């Protein structure tokens, strides 16, 4: 269901249906999906780079969330 929902969102956002959905490994080990241009979907190096970018952003987001939660706990404590 997630894949179909993502495909629908991609069409609604871009107004196009020529994109492709690709399965990517997630940071937590669970697979996820990404919407990409057709030329990216067929380029293994580009998909690897996309995975690395997503991983870096996810880890940075988790670190920021942890830092903010620590500050919140200090203010309440």
PDB file of N, CA and C in Angstrom:
ATOM      1  N   UNK A   1       0.808  -1.190   0.000  1.00  0.00           N
ATOM      2  CA  UNK A   1       0.000   0.000   0.000  1.00  0.00           C
ATOM      3  C   UNK A   1       0.860   1.266   0.000  1.00  0.00           C
ATOM      4  N   UNK A   2       1.983   1.248   0.705  1.00  0.00           N
ATOM      5  CA  UNK A   2       2.844   2.423   0.764  1.00  0.00           C
ATOM      6  C   UNK A   2       3.351   2.808  -0.618  1.00  0.00           C
ATOM      7  N   UNK A   3       3.693   1.821  -1.409  1.00  0.00           N
ATOM      8  CA  UNK A   3       4.221   2.087  -2.749  1.00  0.00           C
ATOM      9  C   UNK A   3       3.161   2.779  -3.602  1.00  0.00           C
ATOM     10  N   UNK A   4       1.938   2.287  -3.557  1.00  0.00           N
ATOM     11  CA  UNK A   4       0.865   2.874  -4.349  1.00  0.00           C
ATOM     12  C   UNK A   4       0.555   4.295  -3.894  1.00  0.00           C
ATOM     13  N   UNK A   5       0.574   4.514  -2.586  1.00  0.00           N
ATOM     14  CA  UNK A   5       0.319   5.849  -2.052  1.00  0.00           C
ATOM     15  C   UNK A   5       1.419   6.816  -2.492  1.00  0.00           C
ATOM     16  N   UNK A   6       2.661   6.370  -2.427  1.00  0.00           N
ATOM     17  CA  UNK A   6       3.775   7.206  -2.864  1.00  0.00           C
ATOM     18  C   UNK A   6       3.665   7.534  -4.347  1.00  0.00           C
ATOM     19  N   UNK A   7       3.287   6.541  -5.157  1.00  0.00           N
ATOM     20  CA  UNK A   7       3.129   6.779  -6.601  1.00  0.00           C
ATOM     21  C   UNK A   7       2.044   7.823  -6.849  1.00  0.00           C
ATOM     22  N   UNK A   8       0.954   7.733  -6.114  1.00  0.00           N
ATOM     23  CA  UNK A   8      -0.128   8.710  -6.263  1.00  0.00           C
ATOM     24  C   UNK A   8       0.334  10.101  -5.848  1.00  0.00           C
ATOM     25  N   UNK A   9       1.025  10.192  -4.728  1.00  0.00           N
ATOM     26  CA  UNK A   9       1.544  11.486  -4.288  1.00  0.00           C
ATOM     27  C   UNK A   9       2.492  12.092  -5.311  1.00  0.00           C
ATOM     28  N   UNK A  10       3.345  11.270  -5.889  1.00  0.00           N
ATOM     29  CA  UNK A  10       4.299  11.763  -6.882  1.00  0.00           C
ATOM     30  C   UNK A  10       3.575  12.367  -8.080  1.00  0.00           C
ATOM     31  N   UNK A  11       2.527  11.708  -8.540  1.00  0.00           N
ATOM     32  CA  UNK A  11       1.756  12.238  -9.668  1.00  0.00           C
ATOM     33  C   UNK A  11       1.059  13.533  -9.270  1.00  0.00           C
ATOM     34  N   UNK A  12       0.476  13.568  -8.074  1.00  0.00           N
ATOM     35  CA  UNK A  12      -0.220  14.774  -7.623  1.00  0.00           C
ATOM     36  C   UNK A  12       0.740  15.954  -7.458  1.00  0.00           C
ATOM     37  N   UNK A  13       1.930  15.687  -6.957  1.00  0.00           N
ATOM     38  CA  UNK A  13       2.903  16.758  -6.721  1.00  0.00           C
ATOM     39  C   UNK A  13       3.558  17.231  -8.005  1.00  0.00           C
ATOM     40  N   UNK A  14       3.957  16.300  -8.859  1.00  0.00           N
ATOM     41  CA  UNK A  14       4.696  16.674 -10.066  1.00  0.00           C
ATOM     42  C   UNK A  14       3.793  16.945 -11.260  1.00  0.00           C
ATOM     43  N   UNK A  15       2.593  16.358 -11.243  1.00  0.00           N
ATOM     44  CA  UNK A  15       1.711  16.480 -12.396  1.00  0.00           C
ATOM     45  C   UNK A  15       2.143  15.591 -13.546  1.00  0.00           C
ATOM     46  N   UNK A  16       3.080  14.696 -13.265  1.00  0.00           N
ATOM     47  CA  UNK A  16       3.597  13.799 -14.302  1.00  0.00           C
ATOM     48  C   UNK A  16       3.495  12.358 -13.813  1.00  0.00           C
ATOM     49  N   UNK A  17       3.508  11.454 -14.767  1.00  0.00           N
ATOM     50  CA  UNK A  17       3.477  10.044 -14.398  1.00  0.00           C
ATOM     51  C   UNK A  17       4.658   9.276 -14.995  1.00  0.00           C
ATOM     52  N   UNK A  18       5.692  10.007 -15.409  1.00  0.00           N
ATOM     53  CA  UNK A  18       6.836   9.357 -16.041  1.00  0.00           C
ATOM     54  C   UNK A  18       7.976   9.064 -15.068  1.00  0.00           C
ATOM     55  N   UNK A  19       7.734   9.213 -13.785  1.00  0.00           N
ATOM     56  CA  UNK A  19       8.748   8.894 -12.791  1.00  0.00           C
ATOM     57  C   UNK A  19       8.706   7.388 -12.481  1.00  0.00           C
ATOM     58  N   UNK A  20       9.709   6.949 -11.735  1.00  0.00           N
ATOM     59  CA  UNK A  20       9.770   5.535 -11.360  1.00  0.00           C
ATOM     60  C   UNK A  20       9.918   5.431  -9.850  1.00  0.00           C
ATOM     61  N   UNK A  21       9.387   4.390  -9.281  1.00  0.00           N
ATOM     62  CA  UNK A  21       9.562   4.096  -7.873  1.00  0.00           C
ATOM     63  C   UNK A  21      10.614   3.010  -7.739  1.00  0.00           C
ATOM     64  N   UNK A  22      11.561   3.230  -6.848  1.00  0.00           N
ATOM     65  CA  UNK A  22      12.616   2.249  -6.623  1.00  0.00           C
ATOM     66  C   UNK A  22      12.653   1.897  -5.141  1.00  0.00           C
ATOM     67  N   UNK A  23      12.973   0.671  -4.875  1.00  0.00           N
ATOM     68  CA  UNK A  23      13.085   0.195  -3.498  1.00  0.00           C
ATOM     69  C   UNK A  23      14.502   0.464  -3.015  1.00  0.00           C
ATOM     70  N   UNK A  24      14.614   1.091  -1.841  1.00  0.00           N
ATOM     71  CA  UNK A  24      15.913   1.409  -1.264  1.00  0.00           C
ATOM     72  C   UNK A  24      15.973   0.872   0.160  1.00  0.00           C
ATOM     73  N   UNK A  25      17.142   0.412   0.589  1.00  0.00           N
ATOM     74  CA  UNK A  25      17.261  -0.033   1.979  1.00  0.00           C
ATOM     75  C   UNK A  25      17.210   1.164   2.918  1.00  0.00           C
ATOM     76  N   UNK A  26      16.524   1.011   4.022  1.00  0.00           N
ATOM     77  CA  UNK A  26      16.423   2.087   4.995  1.00  0.00           C
ATOM     78  C   UNK A  26      17.521   2.031   6.033  1.00  0.00           C
ATOM     79  N   UNK A  27      17.663   3.094   6.786  1.00  0.00           N
ATOM     80  CA  UNK A  27      18.671   3.182   7.835  1.00  0.00           C
ATOM     81  C   UNK A  27      18.447   2.098   8.881  1.00  0.00           C
ATOM     82  N   UNK A  28      17.185   1.800   9.153  1.00  0.00           N
ATOM     83  CA  UNK A  28      16.843   0.818  10.182  1.00  0.00           C
ATOM     84  C   UNK A  28      16.844  -0.613   9.652  1.00  0.00           C
ATOM     85  N   UNK A  29      17.261  -0.779   8.400  1.00  0.00           N
ATOM     86  CA  UNK A  29      17.311  -2.102   7.800  1.00  0.00           C
ATOM     87  C   UNK A  29      16.048  -2.487   7.052  1.00  0.00           C
ATOM     88  N   UNK A  30      14.999  -1.726   7.242  1.00  0.00           N
ATOM     89  CA  UNK A  30      13.753  -1.982   6.528  1.00  0.00           C
ATOM     90  C   UNK A  30      13.782  -1.268   5.185  1.00  0.00           C
ATOM     91  N   UNK A  31      13.242  -1.882   4.149  1.00  0.00           N
ATOM     92  CA  UNK A  31      13.250  -1.222   2.837  1.00  0.00           C
ATOM     93  C   UNK A  31      12.260  -0.063   2.783  1.00  0.00           C
ATOM     94  N   UNK A  32      12.590   0.898   1.954  1.00  0.00           N
ATOM     95  CA  UNK A  32      11.710   2.029   1.712  1.00  0.00           C
ATOM     96  C   UNK A  32      11.619   2.269   0.218  1.00  0.00           C
ATOM     97  N   UNK A  33      10.887   3.290  -0.151  1.00  0.00           N
ATOM     98  CA  UNK A  33      10.692   3.610  -1.563  1.00  0.00           C
ATOM     99  C   UNK A  33      11.112   5.044  -1.837  1.00  0.00           C
ATOM    100  N   UNK A  34      11.591   5.284  -3.036  1.00  0.00           N
ATOM    101  CA  UNK A  34      11.937   6.624  -3.484  1.00  0.00           C
ATOM    102  C   UNK A  34      11.373   6.837  -4.881  1.00  0.00           C
ATOM    103  N   UNK A  35      10.963   8.056  -5.160  1.00  0.00           N
ATOM    104  CA  UNK A  35      10.488   8.438  -6.492  1.00  0.00           C
ATOM    105  C   UNK A  35      11.650   9.105  -7.204  1.00  0.00           C
ATOM    106  N   UNK A  36      12.002   8.585  -8.372  1.00  0.00           N
ATOM    107  CA  UNK A  36      13.144   9.121  -9.109  1.00  0.00           C
ATOM    108  C   UNK A  36      12.799   9.248 -10.591  1.00  0.00           C
ATOM    109  N   UNK A  37      13.621  10.019 -11.282  1.00  0.00           N
ATOM    110  CA  UNK A  37      13.514  10.108 -12.731  1.00  0.00           C
ATOM    111  C   UNK A  37      13.937   8.765 -13.321  1.00  0.00           C
ATOM    112  N   UNK A  38      13.450   8.452 -14.505  1.00  0.00           N
ATOM    113  CA  UNK A  38      13.729   7.152 -15.125  1.00  0.00           C
ATOM    114  C   UNK A  38      15.226   6.912 -15.292  1.00  0.00           C
ATOM    115  N   UNK A  39      15.982   7.953 -15.688  1.00  0.00           N
ATOM    116  CA  UNK A  39      17.418   7.757 -15.900  1.00  0.00           C
ATOM    117  C   UNK A  39      18.147   7.438 -14.597  1.00  0.00           C
ATOM    118  N   UNK A  40      17.637   7.915 -13.467  1.00  0.00           N
ATOM    119  CA  UNK A  40      18.248   7.604 -12.170  1.00  0.00           C
ATOM    120  C   UNK A  40      17.931   6.162 -11.769  1.00  0.00           C
ATOM    121  N   UNK A  41      16.714   5.721 -12.064  1.00  0.00           N
ATOM    122  CA  UNK A  41      16.293   4.364 -11.699  1.00  0.00           C
ATOM    123  C   UNK A  41      17.165   3.308 -12.367  1.00  0.00           C
ATOM    124  N   UNK A  42      17.717   3.632 -13.510  1.00  0.00           N
ATOM    125  CA  UNK A  42      18.546   2.676 -14.254  1.00  0.00           C
ATOM    126  C   UNK A  42      20.039   2.844 -13.999  1.00  0.00           C
ATOM    127  N   UNK A  43      20.399   3.741 -13.085  1.00  0.00           N
ATOM    128  CA  UNK A  43      21.803   4.048 -12.813  1.00  0.00           C
ATOM    129  C   UNK A  43      22.146   3.599 -11.384  1.00  0.00           C
ATOM    130  N   UNK A  44      22.823   2.465 -11.292  1.00  0.00           N
ATOM    131  CA  UNK A  44      23.168   1.914  -9.979  1.00  0.00           C
ATOM    132  C   UNK A  44      23.977   2.855  -9.114  1.00  0.00           C
ATOM    133  N   UNK A  45      24.915   3.590  -9.719  1.00  0.00           N
ATOM    134  CA  UNK A  45      25.742   4.524  -8.957  1.00  0.00           C
ATOM    135  C   UNK A  45      24.892   5.667  -8.402  1.00  0.00           C
ATOM    136  N   UNK A  46      23.956   6.153  -9.191  1.00  0.00           N
ATOM    137  CA  UNK A  46      23.075   7.234  -8.733  1.00  0.00           C
ATOM    138  C   UNK A  46      22.184   6.754  -7.595  1.00  0.00           C
ATOM    139  N   UNK A  47      21.701   5.515  -7.684  1.00  0.00           N
ATOM    140  CA  UNK A  47      20.873   4.973  -6.608  1.00  0.00           C
ATOM    141  C   UNK A  47      21.687   4.787  -5.330  1.00  0.00           C
ATOM    142  N   UNK A  48      22.928   4.356  -5.457  1.00  0.00           N
ATOM    143  CA  UNK A  48      23.806   4.227  -4.290  1.00  0.00           C
ATOM    144  C   UNK A  48      24.034   5.586  -3.639  1.00  0.00           C
ATOM    145  N   UNK A  49      24.259   6.602  -4.467  1.00  0.00           N
ATOM    146  CA  UNK A  49      24.460   7.954  -3.941  1.00  0.00           C
ATOM    147  C   UNK A  49      23.205   8.445  -3.234  1.00  0.00           C
ATOM    148  N   UNK A  50      22.045   8.164  -3.801  1.00  0.00           N
ATOM    149  CA  UNK A  50      20.784   8.552  -3.187  1.00  0.00           C
ATOM    150  C   UNK A  50      20.627   7.871  -1.830  1.00  0.00           C
ATOM    151  N   UNK A  51      20.935   6.594  -1.746  1.00  0.00           N
ATOM    152  CA  UNK A  51      20.874   5.863  -0.468  1.00  0.00           C
ATOM    153  C   UNK A  51      21.784   6.510   0.568  1.00  0.00           C
ATOM    154  N   UNK A  52      22.997   6.856   0.152  1.00  0.00           N
ATOM    155  CA  UNK A  52      23.938   7.491   1.086  1.00  0.00           C
ATOM    156  C   UNK A  52      23.403   8.837   1.568  1.00  0.00           C
ATOM    157  N   UNK A  53      22.845   9.635   0.666  1.00  0.00           N
ATOM    158  CA  UNK A  53      22.292  10.936   1.054  1.00  0.00           C
ATOM    159  C   UNK A  53      21.138  10.772   2.032  1.00  0.00           C
ATOM    160  N   UNK A  54      20.264   9.827   1.774  1.00  0.00           N
ATOM    161  CA  UNK A  54      19.126   9.588   2.665  1.00  0.00           C
ATOM    162  C   UNK A  54      19.621   9.140   4.034  1.00  0.00           C
ATOM    163  N   UNK A  55      20.622   8.266   4.056  1.00  0.00           N
ATOM    164  CA  UNK A  55      21.174   7.779   5.316  1.00  0.00           C
ATOM    165  C   UNK A  55      21.793   8.919   6.120  1.00  0.00           C
ATOM    166  N   UNK A  56      22.573   9.763   5.455  1.00  0.00           N
ATOM    167  CA  UNK A  56      23.204  10.896   6.133  1.00  0.00           C
ATOM    168  C   UNK A  56      22.138  11.817   6.721  1.00  0.00           C
ATOM    169  N   UNK A  57      21.118  12.130   5.952  1.00  0.00           N
ATOM    170  CA  UNK A  57      20.047  13.016   6.432  1.00  0.00           C
ATOM    171  C   UNK A  57      19.276  12.385   7.583  1.00  0.00           C
ATOM    172  N   UNK A  58      18.996  11.098   7.487  1.00  0.00           N
ATOM    173  CA  UNK A  58      18.258  10.416   8.548  1.00  0.00           C
ATOM    174  C   UNK A  58      19.060  10.412   9.848  1.00  0.00           C
ATOM    175  N   UNK A  59      20.349  10.127   9.752  1.00  0.00           N
ATOM    176  CA  UNK A  59      21.196  10.124  10.961  1.00  0.00           C
ATOM    177  C   UNK A  59      21.306  11.521  11.552  1.00  0.00           C
ATOM    178  N   UNK A  60      21.454  12.530  10.709  1.00  0.00           N
ATOM    179  CA  UNK A  60      21.532  13.911  11.193  1.00  0.00           C
ATOM    180  C   UNK A  60      20.220  14.309  11.868  1.00  0.00           C
ATOM    181  N   UNK A  61      19.108  13.900  11.290  1.00  0.00           N
ATOM    182  CA  UNK A  61      17.809  14.190  11.891  1.00  0.00           C
ATOM    183  C   UNK A  61      17.646  13.505  13.235  1.00  0.00           C
ATOM    184  N   UNK A  62      18.110  12.268  13.330  1.00  0.00           N
ATOM    185  CA  UNK A  62      18.024  11.533  14.604  1.00  0.00           C
ATOM    186  C   UNK A  62      18.903  12.190  15.658  1.00  0.00           C
ATOM    187  N   UNK A  63      20.096  12.642  15.266  1.00  0.00           N
ATOM    188  CA  UNK A  63      20.984  13.315  16.214  1.00  0.00           C
ATOM    189  C   UNK A  63      20.367  14.630  16.694  1.00  0.00           C
ATOM    190  N   UNK A  64      19.756  15.367  15.774  1.00  0.00           N
ATOM    191  CA  UNK A  64      19.102  16.626  16.150  1.00  0.00           C
ATOM    192  C   UNK A  64      17.940  16.367  17.093  1.00  0.00           C
ATOM    193  N   UNK A  65      17.152  15.350  16.796  1.00  0.00           N
ATOM    194  CA  UNK A  65      16.016  15.011  17.652  1.00  0.00           C
ATOM    195  C   UNK A  65      16.490  14.621  19.045  1.00  0.00           C
ATOM    196  N   UNK A  66      17.578  13.846  19.117  1.00  0.00           N
ATOM    197  CA  UNK A  66      18.119  13.447  20.410  1.00  0.00           C
ATOM    198  C   UNK A  66      18.606  14.667  21.193  1.00  0.00           C
ATOM    199  N   UNK A  67      19.308  15.572  20.515  1.00  0.00           N
ATOM    200  CA  UNK A  67      19.815  16.775  21.172  1.00  0.00           C
ATOM    201  C   UNK A  67      18.672  17.635  21.687  1.00  0.00           C
ATOM    202  N   UNK A  68      17.635  17.808  20.877  1.00  0.00           N
ATOM    203  CA  UNK A  68      16.490  18.611  21.301  1.00  0.00           C
ATOM    204  C   UNK A  68      15.763  17.964  22.476  1.00  0.00           C
ATOM    205  N   UNK A  69      15.629  16.652  22.431  1.00  0.00           N
ATOM    206  CA  UNK A  69      14.975  15.956  23.531  1.00  0.00           C
ATOM    207  C   UNK A  69      15.787  16.083  24.810  1.00  0.00           C
ATOM    208  N   UNK A  70      17.110  16.027  24.694  1.00  0.00           N
ATOM    209  CA  UNK A  70      17.976  16.204  25.875  1.00  0.00           C
ATOM    210  C   UNK A  70      17.805  17.597  26.465  1.00  0.00           C
ATOM    211  N   UNK A  71      17.737  18.602  25.619  1.00  0.00           N
ATOM    212  CA  UNK A  71      17.525  19.984  26.103  1.00  0.00           C
ATOM    213  C   UNK A  71      16.162  20.104  26.763  1.00  0.00           C
ATOM    214  N   UNK A  72      15.166  19.483  26.170  1.00  0.00           N
ATOM    215  CA  UNK A  72      13.821  19.530  26.741  1.00  0.00           C
ATOM    216  C   UNK A  72      13.809  18.889  28.125  1.00  0.00           C
ATOM    217  N   UNK A  73      14.480  17.745  28.245  1.00  0.00           N
ATOM    218  CA  UNK A  73      14.531  17.045  29.530  1.00  0.00           C
ATOM    219  C   UNK A  73      15.266  17.878  30.580  1.00  0.00           C
ATOM    220  N   UNK A  74      16.328  18.597  30.176  1.00  0.00           N
ATOM    221  CA  UNK A  74      17.056  19.443  31.111  1.00  0.00           C
ATOM    222  C   UNK A  74      16.194  20.585  31.615  1.00  0.00           C
ATOM    223  N   UNK A  75      15.410  21.172  30.717  1.00  0.00           N
ATOM    224  CA  UNK A  75      14.556  22.300  31.099  1.00  0.00           C
ATOM    225  C   UNK A  75      13.440  21.859  32.040  1.00  0.00           C
ATOM    226  N   UNK A  76      12.976  20.636  31.874  1.00  0.00           N
ATOM    227  CA  UNK A  76      11.884  20.146  32.717  1.00  0.00           C
ATOM    228  C   UNK A  76      12.401  19.587  34.032  1.00  0.00           C
ATOM    229  N   UNK A  77      13.674  19.200  34.062  1.00  0.00           N
ATOM    230  CA  UNK A  77      14.224  18.502  35.212  1.00  0.00           C
ATOM    231  C   UNK A  77      14.694  19.412  36.259  1.00  0.00           C
TER     232      UNK A  77
END
